Amino acid sequence: MRSFSKLKALCAWPAEIEKPSPRRDDAAALGTLFHERAERWALSFDGAMDYSGVPEPVAGWLRRLVKSWTPPPGLECEVPLGLRDAPWPAYVPVREPRPHEYEPIDKDEVLMTAGRADWVWPGVALNVCDVKTGAYYLGPPEQIRQVLAQGFAAAERACVRSFRPGIYYARVGLFDWGPVLEKGKPEWEKAWEAVVTAAKLPKKPLPGAWCLTCFSKRDCREAPEGA
């Protein structure tokens, strides 16, 4: 089973060869701190952000969040979600026994992919937003398989016919929203096909021009530049 965060458009091999590094772990710790304080603030009754013990740059990211967003009614944070392999999006309730590891609550279910949706709230369409603390723009949200998988699972869980995929970039305090995807429309079908394809990519290198922007190419035996 491949988690939402490891759904890639063209090659899944980087997730298989990823190596621990102090720099990555430090960045992950900052991201975790931001997520925790942002969730506490967003779900609190008084709306006061807790900056105690928060170092820069995370404190700055939190200040931008407070200025750029008012948490909406019905907001849910860190929602665990699963999807099964089917011709259409099919939600599977999951639990997370260990961090970033998921299993179906119903042991007879078989997960195709699973993960957490950072922020979900109702609107004209269900808003499904992933929060990023990294330094890079990832592209249009409607093309990011991780966000699409979150959206499909959240929409099926809520029994609604449409969702709007989005990404919040904490470093700049900005939302990037994709178009609403509606069940039965060609865009919906195309997006679901993209999620299924990403979930089923083989665990082997699939070299191509995309290797140029791959952070793991130095460790990949089939990266063209290293051949």
C-alpha atoms as a PDB file:
ATOM      1  CA  MET A   1       0.000   0.000   0.000  1.00  0.00           C
ATOM      2  CA  ARG A   2       1.355   3.409  -1.003  1.00  0.00           C
ATOM      3  CA  SER A   3       0.417   6.360   1.203  1.00  0.00           C
ATOM      4  CA  PHE A   4      -1.054   9.604  -0.155  1.00  0.00           C
ATOM      5  CA  SER A   5       2.200  11.487   0.393  1.00  0.00           C
ATOM      6  CA  LYS A   6       4.091   9.004  -1.794  1.00  0.00           C
ATOM      7  CA  LEU A   7       1.765   9.189  -4.784  1.00  0.00           C
ATOM      8  CA  LYS A   8       3.874  10.492  -7.656  1.00  0.00           C
ATOM      9  CA  ALA A   9       2.916  11.159 -11.245  1.00  0.00           C
ATOM     10  CA  LEU A  10       5.799   9.527 -13.074  1.00  0.00           C
ATOM     11  CA  CYS A  11       8.126   7.525 -10.834  1.00  0.00           C
ATOM     12  CA  ALA A  12       7.680   6.098  -7.333  1.00  0.00           C
ATOM     13  CA  TRP A  13      11.275   4.964  -6.913  1.00  0.00           C
ATOM     14  CA  PRO A  14      12.502   8.012  -4.917  1.00  0.00           C
ATOM     15  CA  ALA A  15      10.241   7.003  -2.020  1.00  0.00           C
ATOM     16  CA  GLU A  16      11.837   3.543  -2.036  1.00  0.00           C
ATOM     17  CA  ILE A  17      15.439   4.788  -1.898  1.00  0.00           C
ATOM     18  CA  GLU A  18      14.942   7.800   0.341  1.00  0.00           C
ATOM     19  CA  LYS A  19      17.675   7.970   2.981  1.00  0.00           C
ATOM     20  CA  PRO A  20      17.506   9.565   6.432  1.00  0.00           C
ATOM     21  CA  SER A  21      19.304  12.878   6.698  1.00  0.00           C
ATOM     22  CA  PRO A  22      19.634  15.431   9.515  1.00  0.00           C
ATOM     23  CA  ARG A  23      18.527  18.228   7.178  1.00  0.00           C
ATOM     24  CA  ARG A  24      15.357  16.402   6.174  1.00  0.00           C
ATOM     25  CA  ASP A  25      14.588  15.427   9.766  1.00  0.00           C
ATOM     26  CA  ASP A  26      15.044  19.031  10.945  1.00  0.00           C
ATOM     27  CA  ALA A  27      12.702  20.282   8.213  1.00  0.00           C
ATOM     28  CA  ALA A  28      10.149  17.621   9.119  1.00  0.00           C
ATOM     29  CA  ALA A  29      10.288  18.653  12.786  1.00  0.00           C
ATOM     30  CA  LEU A  30       9.571  22.282  11.868  1.00  0.00           C
ATOM     31  CA  GLY A  31       6.672  21.167   9.687  1.00  0.00           C
ATOM     32  CA  THR A  32       5.244  19.008  12.467  1.00  0.00           C
ATOM     33  CA  LEU A  33       5.417  21.918  14.927  1.00  0.00           C
ATOM     34  CA  PHE A  34       3.616  24.206  12.477  1.00  0.00           C
ATOM     35  CA  HIS A  35       0.880  21.646  11.881  1.00  0.00           C
ATOM     36  CA  GLU A  36       0.359  21.102  15.615  1.00  0.00           C
ATOM     37  CA  ARG A  37       0.104  24.792  16.541  1.00  0.00           C
ATOM     38  CA  ALA A  38      -1.997  25.621  13.470  1.00  0.00           C
ATOM     39  CA  GLU A  39      -4.476  22.858  14.301  1.00  0.00           C
ATOM     40  CA  ARG A  40      -4.697  23.909  17.950  1.00  0.00           C
ATOM     41  CA  TRP A  41      -5.386  27.507  16.893  1.00  0.00           C
ATOM     42  CA  ALA A  42      -7.854  26.611  14.133  1.00  0.00           C
ATOM     43  CA  LEU A  43      -9.975  24.432  16.430  1.00  0.00           C
ATOM     44  CA  SER A  44      -9.780  26.618  19.550  1.00  0.00           C
ATOM     45  CA  PHE A  45     -12.760  28.582  20.808  1.00  0.00           C
ATOM     46  CA  ASP A  46     -10.878  31.797  21.589  1.00  0.00           C
ATOM     47  CA  GLY A  47      -8.904  31.919  18.327  1.00  0.00           C
ATOM     48  CA  ALA A  48      -5.640  32.789  20.076  1.00  0.00           C
ATOM     49  CA  MET A  49      -2.444  31.480  18.525  1.00  0.00           C
ATOM     50  CA  ASP A  50       0.005  29.929  20.966  1.00  0.00           C
ATOM     51  CA  TYR A  51       3.516  31.086  20.073  1.00  0.00           C
ATOM     52  CA  SER A  52       5.135  29.868  23.300  1.00  0.00           C
ATOM     53  CA  GLY A  53       8.341  27.990  22.664  1.00  0.00           C
ATOM     54  CA  VAL A  54       7.978  28.305  18.886  1.00  0.00           C
ATOM     55  CA  PRO A  55      11.232  29.252  17.129  1.00  0.00           C
ATOM     56  CA  GLU A  56      11.642  31.074  13.866  1.00  0.00           C
ATOM     57  CA  PRO A  57      10.866  30.441  11.075  1.00  0.00           C
ATOM     58  CA  VAL A  58       7.791  28.575  12.357  1.00  0.00           C
ATOM     59  CA  ALA A  59       6.567  31.558  14.399  1.00  0.00           C
ATOM     60  CA  GLY A  60       6.653  33.647  11.227  1.00  0.00           C
ATOM     61  CA  TRP A  61       4.680  31.026   9.317  1.00  0.00           C
ATOM     62  CA  LEU A  62       2.067  31.036  12.086  1.00  0.00           C
ATOM     63  CA  ARG A  63       1.813  34.836  12.037  1.00  0.00           C
ATOM     64  CA  ARG A  64       1.176  34.716   8.287  1.00  0.00           C
ATOM     65  CA  LEU A  65      -1.507  32.073   8.816  1.00  0.00           C
ATOM     66  CA  VAL A  66      -3.347  34.230  11.365  1.00  0.00           C
ATOM     67  CA  LYS A  67      -3.286  37.204   8.984  1.00  0.00           C
ATOM     68  CA  SER A  68      -4.325  35.267   5.887  1.00  0.00           C
ATOM     69  CA  TRP A  69      -7.077  32.907   7.088  1.00  0.00           C
ATOM     70  CA  THR A  70     -10.067  32.672   9.370  1.00  0.00           C
ATOM     71  CA  PRO A  71     -10.840  29.033  10.229  1.00  0.00           C
ATOM     72  CA  PRO A  72     -14.302  28.267   8.778  1.00  0.00           C
ATOM     73  CA  PRO A  73     -17.236  26.506  10.436  1.00  0.00           C
ATOM     74  CA  GLY A  74     -17.134  22.739  10.112  1.00  0.00           C
ATOM     75  CA  LEU A  75     -13.349  22.588   9.816  1.00  0.00           C
ATOM     76  CA  GLU A  76     -11.701  19.203  10.421  1.00  0.00           C
ATOM     77  CA  CYS A  77      -7.950  18.749  10.804  1.00  0.00           C
ATOM     78  CA  GLU A  78      -5.683  15.745  10.244  1.00  0.00           C
ATOM     79  CA  VAL A  79      -8.459  13.514   8.924  1.00  0.00           C
ATOM     80  CA  PRO A  80      -7.347   9.869   8.364  1.00  0.00           C
ATOM     81  CA  LEU A  81      -8.692   8.535   5.068  1.00  0.00           C
ATOM     82  CA  GLY A  82      -8.342   5.471   2.893  1.00  0.00           C
ATOM     83  CA  LEU A  83      -9.267   4.401  -0.644  1.00  0.00           C
ATOM     84  CA  ARG A  84      -9.758   0.962  -2.123  1.00  0.00           C
ATOM     85  CA  ASP A  85      -8.853  -0.147  -5.636  1.00  0.00           C
ATOM     86  CA  ALA A  86     -12.070   0.254  -7.632  1.00  0.00           C
ATOM     87  CA  PRO A  87     -13.266   1.695 -10.950  1.00  0.00           C
ATOM     88  CA  TRP A  88     -14.618   4.637  -8.939  1.00  0.00           C
ATOM     89  CA  PRO A  89     -13.493   6.392  -5.734  1.00  0.00           C
ATOM     90  CA  ALA A  90     -14.424   4.229  -2.734  1.00  0.00           C
ATOM     91  CA  TYR A  91     -13.728   5.455   0.820  1.00  0.00           C
ATOM     92  CA  VAL A  92     -12.247   3.102   3.407  1.00  0.00           C
ATOM     93  CA  PRO A  93     -12.170   4.062   7.125  1.00  0.00           C
ATOM     94  CA  VAL A  94      -8.650   3.664   8.487  1.00  0.00           C
ATOM     95  CA  ARG A  95      -6.671   3.875  11.694  1.00  0.00           C
ATOM     96  CA  GLU A  96      -3.041   4.935  12.135  1.00  0.00           C
ATOM     97  CA  PRO A  97      -1.407   2.501  14.599  1.00  0.00           C
ATOM     98  CA  ARG A  98       1.999   4.064  13.999  1.00  0.00           C
ATOM     99  CA  PRO A  99       2.913   7.445  12.502  1.00  0.00           C
ATOM    100  CA  HIS A 100       2.393   7.446   8.725  1.00  0.00           C
ATOM    101  CA  GLU A 101       1.270   3.816   8.704  1.00  0.00           C
ATOM    102  CA  TYR A 102      -2.367   3.024   7.960  1.00  0.00           C
ATOM    103  CA  GLU A 103      -4.613   0.008   8.137  1.00  0.00           C
ATOM    104  CA  PRO A 104      -8.332  -0.468   7.434  1.00  0.00           C
ATOM    105  CA  ILE A 105     -10.641  -0.565  10.428  1.00  0.00           C
ATOM    106  CA  ASP A 106     -12.499  -3.368   8.680  1.00  0.00           C
ATOM    107  CA  LYS A 107      -9.873  -6.079   8.368  1.00  0.00           C
ATOM    108  CA  ASP A 108     -11.614  -7.492   5.277  1.00  0.00           C
ATOM    109  CA  GLU A 109     -10.881  -4.302   3.357  1.00  0.00           C
ATOM    110  CA  VAL A 110      -7.782  -3.962   1.181  1.00  0.00           C
ATOM    111  CA  LEU A 111      -6.276  -0.486   0.951  1.00  0.00           C
ATOM    112  CA  MET A 112      -4.957   0.904  -2.299  1.00  0.00           C
ATOM    113  CA  THR A 113      -3.740   4.119  -0.661  1.00  0.00           C
ATOM    114  CA  ALA A 114      -4.309   6.033   2.571  1.00  0.00           C
ATOM    115  CA  GLY A 115      -3.159   9.079   4.485  1.00  0.00           C
ATOM    116  CA  ARG A 116      -4.352  12.226   6.201  1.00  0.00           C
ATOM    117  CA  ALA A 117      -6.062  15.340   4.881  1.00  0.00           C
ATOM    118  CA  ASP A 118      -4.679  18.356   6.730  1.00  0.00           C
ATOM    119  CA  TRP A 119      -7.732  20.633   6.509  1.00  0.00           C
ATOM    120  CA  VAL A 120     -11.240  19.759   5.290  1.00  0.00           C
ATOM    121  CA  TRP A 121     -14.300  21.995   5.496  1.00  0.00           C
ATOM    122  CA  PRO A 122     -17.679  22.250   3.745  1.00  0.00           C
ATOM    123  CA  GLY A 123     -18.579  24.898   1.215  1.00  0.00           C
ATOM    124  CA  VAL A 124     -20.209  25.110  -2.189  1.00  0.00           C
ATOM    125  CA  ALA A 125     -17.878  22.148  -2.787  1.00  0.00           C
ATOM    126  CA  LEU A 126     -15.935  20.308  -0.099  1.00  0.00           C
ATOM    127  CA  ASN A 127     -12.640  22.130   0.439  1.00  0.00           C
ATOM    128  CA  VAL A 128      -9.722  19.727   0.844  1.00  0.00           C
ATOM    129  CA  CYS A 129      -6.424  21.466   1.568  1.00  0.00           C
ATOM    130  CA  ASP A 130      -2.929  20.074   2.069  1.00  0.00           C
ATOM    131  CA  VAL A 131      -0.492  22.178   4.100  1.00  0.00           C
ATOM    132  CA  LYS A 132       3.081  22.494   2.882  1.00  0.00           C
ATOM    133  CA  THR A 133       5.975  24.035   4.807  1.00  0.00           C
ATOM    134  CA  GLY A 134       8.599  23.320   2.151  1.00  0.00           C
ATOM    135  CA  ALA A 135      10.381  25.884   0.024  1.00  0.00           C
ATOM    136  CA  TYR A 136       9.132  24.775  -3.406  1.00  0.00           C
ATOM    137  CA  TYR A 137       5.972  25.309  -5.423  1.00  0.00           C
ATOM    138  CA  LEU A 138       4.485  21.957  -6.398  1.00  0.00           C
ATOM    139  CA  GLY A 139       2.310  22.945  -9.338  1.00  0.00           C
ATOM    140  CA  PRO A 140      -1.462  23.118  -9.884  1.00  0.00           C
ATOM    141  CA  PRO A 141      -3.311  21.354  -7.049  1.00  0.00           C
ATOM    142  CA  GLU A 142      -5.541  19.474  -9.495  1.00  0.00           C
ATOM    143  CA  GLN A 143      -2.413  17.718 -10.766  1.00  0.00           C
ATOM    144  CA  ILE A 144      -0.983  16.727  -7.379  1.00  0.00           C
ATOM    145  CA  ARG A 145      -1.918  13.093  -6.763  1.00  0.00           C
ATOM    146  CA  GLN A 146      -1.597  13.395  -2.996  1.00  0.00           C
ATOM    147  CA  VAL A 147      -4.181  16.181  -2.845  1.00  0.00           C
ATOM    148  CA  LEU A 148      -6.487  14.446  -5.317  1.00  0.00           C
ATOM    149  CA  ALA A 149      -6.463  11.248  -3.246  1.00  0.00           C
ATOM    150  CA  GLN A 150      -7.300  13.233  -0.113  1.00  0.00           C
ATOM    151  CA  GLY A 151     -10.117  14.945  -1.990  1.00  0.00           C
ATOM    152  CA  PHE A 152     -11.692  11.788  -3.359  1.00  0.00           C
ATOM    153  CA  ALA A 153     -11.583  10.026   0.008  1.00  0.00           C
ATOM    154  CA  ALA A 154     -12.912  13.054   1.902  1.00  0.00           C
ATOM    155  CA  ALA A 155     -15.725  13.604  -0.611  1.00  0.00           C
ATOM    156  CA  GLU A 156     -16.820   9.965  -0.468  1.00  0.00           C
ATOM    157  CA  ARG A 157     -16.632  10.012   3.336  1.00  0.00           C
ATOM    158  CA  ALA A 158     -18.872  13.094   3.421  1.00  0.00           C
ATOM    159  CA  CYS A 159     -21.203  11.699   0.697  1.00  0.00           C
ATOM    160  CA  VAL A 160     -20.833  14.817  -1.465  1.00  0.00           C
ATOM    161  CA  ARG A 161     -20.484  15.035  -5.234  1.00  0.00           C
ATOM    162  CA  SER A 162     -17.676  17.557  -5.556  1.00  0.00           C
ATOM    163  CA  PHE A 163     -14.512  18.821  -3.932  1.00  0.00           C
ATOM    164  CA  ARG A 164     -12.004  21.610  -4.446  1.00  0.00           C
ATOM    165  CA  PRO A 165      -8.330  20.592  -4.097  1.00  0.00           C
ATOM    166  CA  GLY A 166      -5.976  23.115  -2.595  1.00  0.00           C
ATOM    167  CA  ILE A 167      -2.556  23.643  -1.052  1.00  0.00           C
ATOM    168  CA  TYR A 168      -1.608  26.144   1.642  1.00  0.00           C
ATOM    169  CA  TYR A 169       2.012  27.297   1.430  1.00  0.00           C
ATOM    170  CA  ALA A 170       2.989  28.225   4.978  1.00  0.00           C
ATOM    171  CA  ARG A 171       6.168  30.124   4.115  1.00  0.00           C
ATOM    172  CA  VAL A 172       4.298  32.730   2.099  1.00  0.00           C
ATOM    173  CA  GLY A 173       0.882  32.510   3.761  1.00  0.00           C
ATOM    174  CA  LEU A 174      -0.973  31.792   0.520  1.00  0.00           C
ATOM    175  CA  PHE A 175      -3.595  29.320  -0.660  1.00  0.00           C
ATOM    176  CA  ASP A 176      -3.415  27.803  -4.129  1.00  0.00           C
ATOM    177  CA  TRP A 177      -6.777  26.356  -5.200  1.00  0.00           C
ATOM    178  CA  GLY A 178      -7.584  24.134  -8.132  1.00  0.00           C
ATOM    179  CA  PRO A 179     -10.945  23.975  -9.897  1.00  0.00           C
ATOM    180  CA  VAL A 180     -13.907  22.161  -8.383  1.00  0.00           C
ATOM    181  CA  LEU A 181     -13.996  18.506  -9.433  1.00  0.00           C
ATOM    182  CA  GLU A 182     -17.526  17.144  -9.806  1.00  0.00           C
ATOM    183  CA  LYS A 183     -18.554  13.504  -9.877  1.00  0.00           C
ATOM    184  CA  GLY A 184     -19.522  12.314 -13.349  1.00  0.00           C
ATOM    185  CA  LYS A 185     -17.562  15.009 -15.180  1.00  0.00           C
ATOM    186  CA  PRO A 186     -14.561  14.169 -17.398  1.00  0.00           C
ATOM    187  CA  GLU A 187     -12.202  16.059 -15.086  1.00  0.00           C
ATOM    188  CA  TRP A 188     -13.300  13.877 -12.168  1.00  0.00           C
ATOM    189  CA  GLU A 189     -12.723  10.677 -14.120  1.00  0.00           C
ATOM    190  CA  LYS A 190      -9.319  11.851 -15.338  1.00  0.00           C
ATOM    191  CA  ALA A 191      -8.230  12.813 -11.839  1.00  0.00           C
ATOM    192  CA  TRP A 192      -9.297   9.441 -10.406  1.00  0.00           C
ATOM    193  CA  GLU A 193      -7.382   7.630 -13.129  1.00  0.00           C
ATOM    194  CA  ALA A 194      -4.300   9.670 -12.186  1.00  0.00           C
ATOM    195  CA  VAL A 195      -4.617   8.619  -8.534  1.00  0.00           C
ATOM    196  CA  VAL A 196      -5.015   4.929  -9.388  1.00  0.00           C
ATOM    197  CA  THR A 197      -2.064   5.023 -11.780  1.00  0.00           C
ATOM    198  CA  ALA A 198       0.140   6.681  -9.153  1.00  0.00           C
ATOM    199  CA  ALA A 199      -0.865   4.154  -6.510  1.00  0.00           C
ATOM    200  CA  LYS A 200       0.065   1.293  -8.819  1.00  0.00           C
ATOM    201  CA  LEU A 201       3.397   2.559 -10.128  1.00  0.00           C
ATOM    202  CA  PRO A 202       5.969  -0.230  -9.827  1.00  0.00           C
ATOM    203  CA  LYS A 203       8.648  -0.185  -7.155  1.00  0.00           C
ATOM    204  CA  LYS A 204      11.464   0.286  -9.643  1.00  0.00           C
ATOM    205  CA  PRO A 205      13.128   3.200 -11.451  1.00  0.00           C
ATOM    206  CA  LEU A 206      11.191   4.668 -14.371  1.00  0.00           C
ATOM    207  CA  PRO A 207      13.782   7.020 -15.898  1.00  0.00           C
ATOM    208  CA  GLY A 208      12.799   9.910 -18.109  1.00  0.00           C
ATOM    209  CA  ALA A 209      13.151  13.653 -18.541  1.00  0.00           C
ATOM    210  CA  TRP A 210      11.560  14.097 -15.096  1.00  0.00           C
ATOM    211  CA  CYS A 211      14.805  12.813 -13.590  1.00  0.00           C
ATOM    212  CA  LEU A 212      16.222  16.310 -14.072  1.00  0.00           C
ATOM    213  CA  THR A 213      14.156  17.684 -11.173  1.00  0.00           C
ATOM    214  CA  CYS A 214      14.339  14.606  -8.955  1.00  0.00           C
ATOM    215  CA  PHE A 215      15.959  15.154  -5.537  1.00  0.00           C
ATOM    216  CA  SER A 216      16.953  11.476  -5.368  1.00  0.00           C
ATOM    217  CA  LYS A 217      18.728  11.195  -8.709  1.00  0.00           C
ATOM    218  CA  ARG A 218      22.181  10.981  -7.126  1.00  0.00           C
ATOM    219  CA  ASP A 219      21.150   7.774  -5.383  1.00  0.00           C
ATOM    220  CA  CYS A 220      19.338   6.267  -8.357  1.00  0.00           C
ATOM    221  CA  ARG A 221      21.186   3.670 -10.396  1.00  0.00           C
ATOM    222  CA  GLU A 222      19.200   4.464 -13.543  1.00  0.00           C
ATOM    223  CA  ALA A 223      19.170   8.271 -13.491  1.00  0.00           C
ATOM    224  CA  PRO A 224      20.395   9.410 -16.940  1.00  0.00           C
ATOM    225  CA  GLU A 225      22.902  11.909 -15.524  1.00  0.00           C
ATOM    226  CA  GLY A 226      24.587   9.171 -13.503  1.00  0.00           C
ATOM    227  CA  ALA A 227      24.603   6.575 -16.257  1.00  0.00           C
END
